[in-house]
Amino acid sequence: MKKTILTGASVLAMAAAGPAFGQAVVPAECAGVVGNCSVLDQDGDTLTVGVTQTGTGNVSDIEQDGSTLDATVDQGADSNISNITQDASGVGSQGLSATVTQTGGADSIVNQTAAGLNATGQTAIVTQAGASASDIAQTANNETADNFLATVDQTGDGHSSIVTQTDLGGGTNDGDLLATVTQTGSGNASDINQINRQQTANVLQTGDDGNSTIFQEGRNNLATLIQGGTNNDSAISQDDAGGVGQTATVTQNGDSNISDIFQDGRNAGANDGNNFATVTQDGSNGFATIEQIDQARGDTATISQFAATDGSDAAIVQTGDAVDGAPDTANTADIIQFSGSNNFSGIVQGDTTALGGGTVIGASDSTASTFQQGDDNESLILQGSAGQIAEVTQVDNGNESIIAQGD
């Protein structure tokens, strides 16, 4: 094992220890740094490095190449920068671990890459307090790669977090990508991108101006987003050729909520579907859409808007299989708008060509239901193909409902 622990003070001490080290040269990474600077480069296996810096304006730069790599950075005060790069190559390379703790306004970048077969185990944990920014990238370039873990915890003002997990191997045993982001404060923003299969993304934003985007490409993926506060914004996309078993859940508590969930199969004639999407909004001016398209079978979509949500729109679009003679679609769509007025609910299912909609063949035996409580609400259900079921319940005054079914 090689172990290196350097602080900003220790770097200065070595530079001043005597002529044996020669003239100290300021590395390019530390040009203009007002605080302490630490630059570490390690090659080999079973490497561990720890950096602790106190004060403001510090820079830590760590590069590790090999297998079983561990890096830890702890920075205090404001305006600090941490860069960690870990590269593993060779069959069975594993054990990339990076941990960053920053207090005060700081920036952190973690970049982990594994290039060999059977690479497993990439872990990045970032904890920040203050006006901080974090960017985590985890990549596997070959087959049988799994066990990606990225965790970001940000407390304070003006957060921003980006997590990218990419498994390019494409093997059937690849997967197990997990990303968790927790942001507390105001001005939150989170962006998660995951590519392959068996991916999980969890985002919790509590504060004022939360904004979150989750993109998952693959199958058997799970996305969960909870936003509390005002001016929330959300977008989840689960997109794959042969997408099946996708789950997306959004909960928004606040004022100006917006949510969009998109789930796409794109594998003609295959047994795609069994996707699940749900949006729950508790506030005013909520807007929600769910789209489940292309060979969508057995999909479920639910939008619930509570707590006197006024002037809101809720829309669900579900299409069926584009192959003649395909199995029944049997999708389910439910919209609930409780205790509000001037709301709109719209559900479109199946082949609605004859009703002025798009062309989709084989979308049959689906169910749509709408419940609205309040005044002056509008409901539209548009269903094509055979065996469709529609139900509308409206309570109070001045409401309108239209149901159109055709085959």
Protein backbone atom coordinates (compact mmCIF):
# COMPACT_ATOMS: atom_id res chain seq x y z
CA MET A 1 0.00 0.00 0.00
CA LYS A 2 1.13 3.49 -0.75
CA LYS A 3 -0.35 6.18 1.44
CA THR A 4 0.12 9.91 1.01
CA ILE A 5 -1.37 12.52 3.32
CA LEU A 6 -0.52 16.12 2.57
CA THR A 7 -1.95 19.37 3.87
CA GLY A 8 -1.27 22.83 2.57
CA ALA A 9 1.01 23.42 5.54
CA SER A 10 2.98 20.23 4.90
CA VAL A 11 3.68 21.26 1.32
CA LEU A 12 5.17 24.52 2.56
CA ALA A 13 7.17 22.70 5.22
CA MET A 14 8.78 20.36 2.70
CA ALA A 15 9.64 23.28 0.45
CA ALA A 16 11.43 25.01 3.32
CA ALA A 17 13.15 21.92 4.75
CA GLY A 18 16.44 22.41 2.95
CA PRO A 19 18.31 22.27 -0.34
CA ALA A 20 17.69 18.51 -0.75
CA PHE A 21 14.38 19.26 -2.49
CA GLY A 22 15.84 21.95 -4.75
CA GLN A 23 13.98 25.05 -5.77
CA ALA A 24 10.21 24.77 -5.35
CA VAL A 25 8.28 25.28 -8.57
CA VAL A 26 4.72 26.49 -8.49
CA PRO A 27 2.69 24.03 -10.59
CA ALA A 28 0.36 25.34 -13.28
CA GLU A 29 -2.65 24.17 -11.28
CA CYS A 30 -1.73 26.54 -8.47
CA ALA A 31 -0.99 29.66 -10.47
CA GLY A 32 -2.66 32.61 -8.80
CA VAL A 33 -3.83 30.60 -5.80
CA VAL A 34 -4.13 32.81 -2.71
CA GLY A 35 -4.32 29.97 -0.21
CA ASN A 36 -2.66 26.58 0.08
CA CYS A 37 -2.04 24.38 -2.93
CA SER A 38 -1.74 20.60 -3.09
CA VAL A 39 -0.98 18.63 -6.28
CA LEU A 40 -0.69 14.83 -6.09
CA ASP A 41 -0.09 12.26 -8.85
CA GLN A 42 -0.06 8.51 -8.04
CA ASP A 43 0.39 5.41 -10.23
CA GLY A 44 -0.04 1.83 -9.06
CA ASP A 45 -2.44 -0.35 -7.10
CA THR A 46 -4.01 0.08 -3.65
CA LEU A 47 -3.32 3.80 -3.42
CA THR A 48 -4.66 6.10 -0.71
CA VAL A 49 -4.32 9.87 -0.41
CA GLY A 50 -5.80 12.39 2.01
CA VAL A 51 -5.71 16.18 1.76
CA THR A 52 -6.80 18.59 4.50
CA GLN A 53 -6.78 22.33 3.88
CA THR A 54 -7.99 25.15 6.13
CA GLY A 55 -8.53 28.79 5.27
CA THR A 56 -9.77 30.36 2.04
CA GLY A 57 -8.69 30.14 -1.59
CA ASN A 58 -7.17 26.63 -1.42
CA VAL A 59 -6.67 24.27 -4.36
CA SER A 60 -6.39 20.48 -4.28
CA ASP A 61 -5.63 18.48 -7.41
CA ILE A 62 -5.39 14.67 -7.24
CA GLU A 63 -4.70 12.21 -10.07
CA GLN A 64 -4.59 8.45 -9.49
CA ASP A 65 -3.99 5.67 -12.04
CA GLY A 66 -4.28 1.99 -11.17
CA SER A 67 -6.69 -0.16 -9.19
CA THR A 68 -8.21 0.12 -5.71
CA LEU A 69 -7.83 3.89 -5.50
CA ASP A 70 -8.97 6.06 -2.60
CA ALA A 71 -8.87 9.86 -2.33
CA THR A 72 -10.19 12.08 0.46
CA VAL A 73 -10.28 15.89 0.48
CA ASP A 74 -11.41 18.07 3.40
CA GLN A 75 -11.47 21.83 2.82
CA GLY A 76 -12.66 24.55 5.20
CA ALA A 77 -13.76 28.18 4.70
CA ASP A 78 -14.55 29.81 1.33
CA SER A 79 -13.51 29.75 -2.33
CA ASN A 80 -11.80 26.37 -2.35
CA ILE A 81 -11.37 24.08 -5.36
CA SER A 82 -11.05 20.29 -5.42
CA ASN A 83 -10.27 18.19 -8.51
CA ILE A 84 -10.07 14.39 -8.28
CA THR A 85 -9.34 12.19 -11.30
CA GLN A 86 -9.18 8.41 -10.96
CA ASP A 87 -8.44 6.08 -13.89
CA ALA A 88 -8.51 2.28 -13.65
CA SER A 89 -7.50 -0.07 -16.46
CA GLY A 90 -7.05 -3.79 -16.83
CA VAL A 91 -9.35 -6.77 -16.30
CA GLY A 92 -11.09 -6.73 -12.94
CA SER A 93 -9.98 -3.25 -11.97
CA GLN A 94 -12.11 -2.05 -9.09
CA GLY A 95 -12.45 0.06 -5.99
CA LEU A 96 -12.45 3.70 -7.11
CA SER A 97 -13.43 5.88 -4.15
CA ALA A 98 -13.48 9.67 -3.79
CA THR A 99 -14.75 11.66 -0.81
CA VAL A 100 -14.91 15.46 -0.73
CA THR A 101 -16.03 17.63 2.20
CA GLN A 102 -16.16 21.39 1.71
CA THR A 103 -17.31 24.14 4.04
CA GLY A 104 -18.14 27.52 2.54
CA GLY A 105 -18.44 28.42 -1.13
CA ALA A 106 -16.42 25.81 -3.01
CA ASP A 107 -16.21 23.82 -6.25
CA SER A 108 -15.69 20.08 -6.58
CA ILE A 109 -15.04 17.94 -9.65
CA VAL A 110 -14.76 14.13 -9.43
CA ASN A 111 -13.96 12.15 -12.58
CA GLN A 112 -13.76 8.34 -12.35
CA THR A 113 -13.10 6.05 -15.35
CA ALA A 114 -12.67 2.25 -15.62
CA ALA A 115 -11.57 0.81 -18.96
CA GLY A 116 -11.14 -2.93 -18.38
CA LEU A 117 -13.52 -5.90 -18.39
CA ASN A 118 -15.32 -6.77 -15.14
CA ALA A 119 -14.61 -3.35 -13.66
CA THR A 120 -16.69 -2.80 -10.56
CA GLY A 121 -17.09 -0.31 -7.76
CA GLN A 122 -17.01 3.43 -8.38
CA THR A 123 -17.96 5.59 -5.39
CA ALA A 124 -18.03 9.38 -5.17
CA ILE A 125 -19.35 11.24 -2.12
CA VAL A 126 -19.48 15.05 -2.01
CA THR A 127 -20.67 17.06 0.99
CA GLN A 128 -20.82 20.84 0.67
CA ALA A 129 -22.07 23.71 2.84
CA GLY A 130 -22.44 27.17 1.33
CA ALA A 131 -22.62 28.50 -2.21
CA SER A 132 -21.00 25.45 -3.75
CA ALA A 133 -20.98 23.52 -7.04
CA SER A 134 -20.39 19.81 -7.66
CA ASP A 135 -19.80 17.79 -10.82
CA ILE A 136 -19.39 13.99 -10.68
CA ALA A 137 -18.66 11.84 -13.76
CA GLN A 138 -18.39 8.06 -13.54
CA THR A 139 -17.65 6.02 -16.68
CA ALA A 140 -17.09 2.35 -17.52
CA ASN A 141 -15.89 1.61 -21.05
CA ASN A 142 -16.26 -2.17 -21.19
CA GLU A 143 -18.66 -5.01 -20.35
CA THR A 144 -19.64 -6.46 -16.97
CA ALA A 145 -19.24 -3.18 -15.13
CA ASP A 146 -21.48 -2.38 -12.19
CA ASN A 147 -21.89 -0.80 -8.76
CA PHE A 148 -21.72 2.94 -9.43
CA LEU A 149 -22.52 5.15 -6.44
CA ALA A 150 -22.66 8.96 -6.47
CA THR A 151 -23.90 10.94 -3.48
CA VAL A 152 -24.14 14.74 -3.24
CA ASP A 153 -25.31 16.59 -0.13
CA GLN A 154 -25.46 20.38 -0.41
CA THR A 155 -26.58 22.76 2.32
CA GLY A 156 -26.69 26.52 1.85
CA ASP A 157 -27.31 28.95 -0.99
CA GLY A 158 -27.25 28.75 -4.77
CA HIS A 159 -26.62 25.00 -5.14
CA SER A 160 -25.82 23.29 -8.39
CA SER A 161 -25.08 19.60 -8.92
CA ILE A 162 -24.41 17.46 -12.01
CA VAL A 163 -24.03 13.68 -11.84
CA THR A 164 -23.23 11.63 -14.96
CA GLN A 165 -23.01 7.85 -14.78
CA THR A 166 -22.21 6.10 -18.06
CA ASP A 167 -21.80 2.35 -18.56
CA LEU A 168 -20.81 1.91 -22.20
CA GLY A 169 -20.25 -1.85 -22.06
CA GLY A 170 -23.84 -2.81 -22.77
CA GLY A 171 -23.54 -6.31 -21.30
CA THR A 172 -26.54 -8.02 -19.76
CA ASN A 173 -24.78 -8.10 -16.40
CA ASP A 174 -23.98 -4.41 -16.44
CA GLY A 175 -25.93 -1.98 -14.29
CA ASP A 176 -26.54 -0.99 -10.68
CA LEU A 177 -26.06 2.75 -11.06
CA LEU A 178 -27.17 4.77 -8.04
CA ALA A 179 -27.19 8.58 -7.75
CA THR A 180 -28.55 10.49 -4.76
CA VAL A 181 -28.69 14.28 -4.49
CA THR A 182 -29.91 16.18 -1.43
CA GLN A 183 -30.11 19.96 -1.60
CA THR A 184 -31.27 22.19 1.25
CA GLY A 185 -31.60 25.96 0.91
CA SER A 186 -32.53 28.23 -1.99
CA GLY A 187 -31.63 28.37 -5.67
CA ASN A 188 -31.21 24.57 -6.00
CA ALA A 189 -30.42 22.90 -9.32
CA SER A 190 -29.69 19.23 -10.06
CA ASP A 191 -28.94 17.37 -13.30
CA ILE A 192 -28.55 13.57 -13.37
CA ASN A 193 -27.68 11.51 -16.47
CA GLN A 194 -27.53 7.70 -16.34
CA ILE A 195 -26.89 5.33 -19.25
CA ASN A 196 -27.34 1.52 -19.31
CA ARG A 197 -29.73 -0.41 -17.03
CA GLN A 198 -30.84 -0.92 -13.43
CA GLN A 199 -30.36 2.73 -12.65
CA THR A 200 -31.67 4.60 -9.63
CA ALA A 201 -31.79 8.37 -9.23
CA ASN A 202 -33.05 10.04 -6.05
CA VAL A 203 -33.30 13.83 -5.74
CA LEU A 204 -34.53 15.71 -2.68
CA GLN A 205 -34.71 19.50 -2.93
CA THR A 206 -36.00 21.55 -0.03
CA GLY A 207 -35.90 25.31 -0.48
CA ASP A 208 -37.09 27.98 -2.84
CA ASP A 209 -36.04 27.74 -6.48
CA GLY A 210 -35.48 24.03 -7.05
CA ASN A 211 -34.84 22.86 -10.61
CA SER A 212 -34.15 19.23 -11.48
CA THR A 213 -33.60 17.19 -14.65
CA ILE A 214 -33.17 13.40 -14.66
CA PHE A 215 -32.31 11.48 -17.84
CA GLN A 216 -32.11 7.69 -17.84
CA GLU A 217 -31.38 5.60 -20.92
CA GLY A 218 -31.86 1.88 -20.44
CA ARG A 219 -34.35 -0.42 -18.74
CA ASN A 220 -35.57 -1.25 -15.24
CA ASN A 221 -34.78 2.27 -14.07
CA LEU A 222 -36.14 4.21 -11.10
CA ALA A 223 -36.31 8.00 -10.72
CA THR A 224 -37.67 9.67 -7.59
CA LEU A 225 -37.88 13.44 -7.18
CA ILE A 226 -39.19 15.37 -4.18
CA GLN A 227 -39.30 19.17 -4.27
CA GLY A 228 -40.47 21.42 -1.47
CA GLY A 229 -40.73 25.20 -1.71
CA THR A 230 -41.70 27.63 -4.45
CA ASN A 231 -41.01 27.93 -8.19
CA ASN A 232 -40.31 24.19 -8.59
CA ASP A 233 -39.45 22.79 -11.99
CA SER A 234 -38.99 19.12 -12.91
CA ALA A 235 -38.31 16.99 -15.99
CA ILE A 236 -37.73 13.22 -16.08
CA SER A 237 -36.96 11.33 -19.29
CA GLN A 238 -36.64 7.54 -19.41
CA ASP A 239 -35.78 6.66 -22.98
CA ASP A 240 -34.64 3.37 -24.48
CA ALA A 241 -35.02 1.02 -27.43
CA GLY A 242 -36.92 -1.71 -25.63
CA GLY A 243 -37.65 0.34 -22.53
CA VAL A 244 -39.44 -1.77 -19.93
CA GLY A 245 -40.01 -1.59 -16.21
CA GLN A 246 -39.40 2.15 -15.85
CA THR A 247 -40.64 3.97 -12.74
CA ALA A 248 -40.77 7.76 -12.30
CA THR A 249 -42.23 9.47 -9.24
CA VAL A 250 -42.46 13.23 -8.66
CA THR A 251 -43.75 14.97 -5.54
CA GLN A 252 -43.89 18.77 -5.52
CA ASN A 253 -44.95 20.87 -2.53
CA GLY A 254 -45.09 24.60 -3.09
CA ASP A 255 -46.49 27.24 -5.40
CA SER A 256 -45.52 27.36 -9.08
CA ASN A 257 -44.98 23.64 -9.75
CA ILE A 258 -44.22 22.21 -13.18
CA SER A 259 -43.54 18.54 -13.90
CA ASP A 260 -42.98 16.56 -17.10
CA ILE A 261 -42.37 12.80 -17.31
CA PHE A 262 -41.48 11.11 -20.60
CA GLN A 263 -41.19 7.33 -21.04
CA ASP A 264 -40.37 5.81 -24.44
CA GLY A 265 -40.05 2.22 -25.64
CA ARG A 266 -39.08 2.39 -29.36
CA ASN A 267 -38.70 -1.38 -29.89
CA ALA A 268 -41.39 -2.35 -32.40
CA GLY A 269 -43.18 -5.62 -31.71
CA ALA A 270 -41.30 -6.37 -28.49
CA ASN A 271 -42.91 -6.88 -25.12
CA ASP A 272 -42.16 -3.37 -23.92
CA GLY A 273 -44.06 -1.47 -21.29
CA ASN A 274 -45.03 -2.05 -17.68
CA ASN A 275 -43.84 1.47 -17.00
CA PHE A 276 -45.12 3.52 -14.08
CA ALA A 277 -45.30 7.30 -13.73
CA THR A 278 -46.89 9.39 -11.00
CA VAL A 279 -46.96 13.11 -10.25
CA THR A 280 -48.30 14.61 -7.03
CA GLN A 281 -48.57 18.38 -6.69
CA ASP A 282 -49.67 20.17 -3.54
CA GLY A 283 -49.97 23.92 -4.16
CA SER A 284 -51.21 26.37 -6.77
CA ASN A 285 -50.54 26.84 -10.48
CA GLY A 286 -49.34 23.26 -10.83
CA PHE A 287 -48.74 21.96 -14.36
CA ALA A 288 -48.10 18.29 -15.09
CA THR A 289 -47.70 16.10 -18.18
CA ILE A 290 -46.95 12.38 -18.57
CA GLU A 291 -46.11 10.84 -21.95
CA GLN A 292 -45.80 7.07 -22.37
CA ILE A 293 -45.27 6.36 -26.04
CA ASP A 294 -44.10 3.77 -28.61
CA GLN A 295 -45.05 0.17 -27.89
CA ALA A 296 -46.35 1.20 -24.48
CA ARG A 297 -48.16 -1.77 -22.94
CA GLY A 298 -49.45 -2.20 -19.43
CA ASP A 299 -48.33 1.31 -18.51
CA THR A 300 -49.75 3.27 -15.59
CA ALA A 301 -49.86 7.07 -15.29
CA THR A 302 -51.32 9.07 -12.41
CA ILE A 303 -51.47 12.83 -11.81
CA SER A 304 -52.82 14.16 -8.51
CA GLN A 305 -53.21 17.87 -7.82
CA PHE A 306 -54.35 18.84 -4.33
CA ALA A 307 -54.68 21.79 -1.93
CA ALA A 308 -56.84 24.20 -3.93
CA THR A 309 -54.79 23.97 -7.09
CA ASP A 310 -56.36 26.61 -9.37
CA GLY A 311 -55.89 27.14 -13.10
CA SER A 312 -53.80 24.01 -13.51
CA ASP A 313 -53.33 21.69 -16.46
CA ALA A 314 -52.87 17.94 -16.22
CA ALA A 315 -52.32 15.83 -19.35
CA ILE A 316 -51.55 12.15 -19.98
CA VAL A 317 -50.72 10.71 -23.41
CA GLN A 318 -50.40 6.95 -23.87
CA THR A 319 -49.91 5.30 -27.25
CA GLY A 320 -49.95 1.61 -28.06
CA ASP A 321 -48.07 -0.76 -30.31
CA ALA A 322 -47.41 0.25 -33.92
CA VAL A 323 -47.44 -3.39 -35.09
CA ASP A 324 -50.62 -4.93 -36.58
CA GLY A 325 -52.01 -7.72 -34.42
CA ALA A 326 -49.93 -6.70 -31.41
CA PRO A 327 -51.20 -7.64 -27.94
CA ASP A 328 -53.69 -5.43 -26.11
CA THR A 329 -52.16 -2.28 -24.75
CA ALA A 330 -54.14 -2.19 -21.49
CA ASN A 331 -52.76 1.11 -20.25
CA THR A 332 -54.22 2.97 -17.27
CA ALA A 333 -54.43 6.76 -16.85
CA ASP A 334 -55.85 8.59 -13.83
CA ILE A 335 -56.07 12.33 -13.12
CA ILE A 336 -57.28 13.73 -9.80
CA GLN A 337 -57.80 17.48 -9.30
CA PHE A 338 -59.07 18.07 -5.81
CA SER A 339 -60.44 21.28 -4.33
CA GLY A 340 -59.67 23.77 -7.10
CA SER A 341 -61.24 25.70 -9.97
CA ASN A 342 -60.56 26.50 -13.65
CA ASN A 343 -58.47 23.35 -14.03
CA PHE A 344 -58.05 21.30 -17.19
CA SER A 345 -57.64 17.54 -17.43
CA GLY A 346 -56.79 15.77 -20.68
CA ILE A 347 -56.18 12.08 -21.42
CA VAL A 348 -55.34 10.65 -24.87
CA GLN A 349 -55.02 6.90 -25.37
CA GLY A 350 -54.52 4.72 -28.40
CA ASP A 351 -55.17 5.10 -32.10
CA THR A 352 -57.00 8.42 -32.34
CA THR A 353 -56.66 8.83 -36.12
CA ALA A 354 -60.42 8.81 -36.67
CA LEU A 355 -60.80 11.40 -33.92
CA GLY A 356 -58.21 13.79 -35.32
CA GLY A 357 -55.28 12.45 -33.32
CA GLY A 358 -52.09 10.61 -34.25
CA THR A 359 -51.77 7.19 -35.88
CA VAL A 360 -51.12 4.30 -33.50
CA ILE A 361 -52.20 0.71 -34.24
CA GLY A 362 -53.25 -1.91 -31.70
CA ALA A 363 -53.79 0.35 -28.68
CA SER A 364 -56.79 -1.30 -27.05
CA ASP A 365 -58.36 -2.21 -23.71
CA SER A 366 -57.08 0.87 -21.87
CA THR A 367 -58.74 2.66 -18.95
CA ALA A 368 -58.99 6.40 -18.27
CA SER A 369 -60.51 8.16 -15.29
CA THR A 370 -60.79 11.80 -14.20
CA PHE A 371 -61.94 13.24 -10.87
CA GLN A 372 -62.40 17.00 -10.43
CA GLN A 373 -63.73 18.88 -7.43
CA GLY A 374 -64.38 22.59 -7.71
CA ASP A 375 -65.94 25.05 -10.14
CA ASP A 376 -65.47 25.69 -13.88
CA ASN A 377 -63.21 22.69 -14.52
CA GLU A 378 -62.81 21.01 -17.93
CA SER A 379 -62.17 17.37 -18.74
CA LEU A 380 -61.31 15.74 -22.08
CA ILE A 381 -60.81 12.00 -22.67
CA LEU A 382 -59.90 10.88 -26.21
CA GLN A 383 -59.62 7.12 -26.82
CA GLY A 384 -59.10 5.20 -30.04
CA SER A 385 -59.20 1.44 -30.80
CA ALA A 386 -61.44 -1.11 -29.12
CA GLY A 387 -62.33 -2.09 -25.58
CA GLN A 388 -61.61 1.30 -24.01
CA ILE A 389 -63.11 2.40 -20.69
CA ALA A 390 -63.57 6.05 -19.61
CA GLU A 391 -64.96 7.49 -16.38
CA VAL A 392 -65.37 11.14 -15.35
CA THR A 393 -66.50 12.47 -11.97
CA GLN A 394 -67.01 16.22 -11.48
CA VAL A 395 -68.21 17.81 -8.23
CA ASP A 396 -69.57 21.38 -7.80
CA ASN A 397 -70.63 23.87 -10.48
CA GLY A 398 -69.91 25.00 -14.05
CA ASN A 399 -67.84 21.96 -15.08
CA GLU A 400 -67.55 20.53 -18.58
CA SER A 401 -66.65 17.04 -19.77
CA ILE A 402 -66.06 15.53 -23.22
CA ILE A 403 -65.45 11.83 -23.91
CA ALA A 404 -64.69 10.66 -27.47
CA GLN A 405 -64.16 6.99 -28.25
CA GLY A 406 -63.63 5.44 -31.67
CA ASP A 407 -62.31 2.32 -33.34
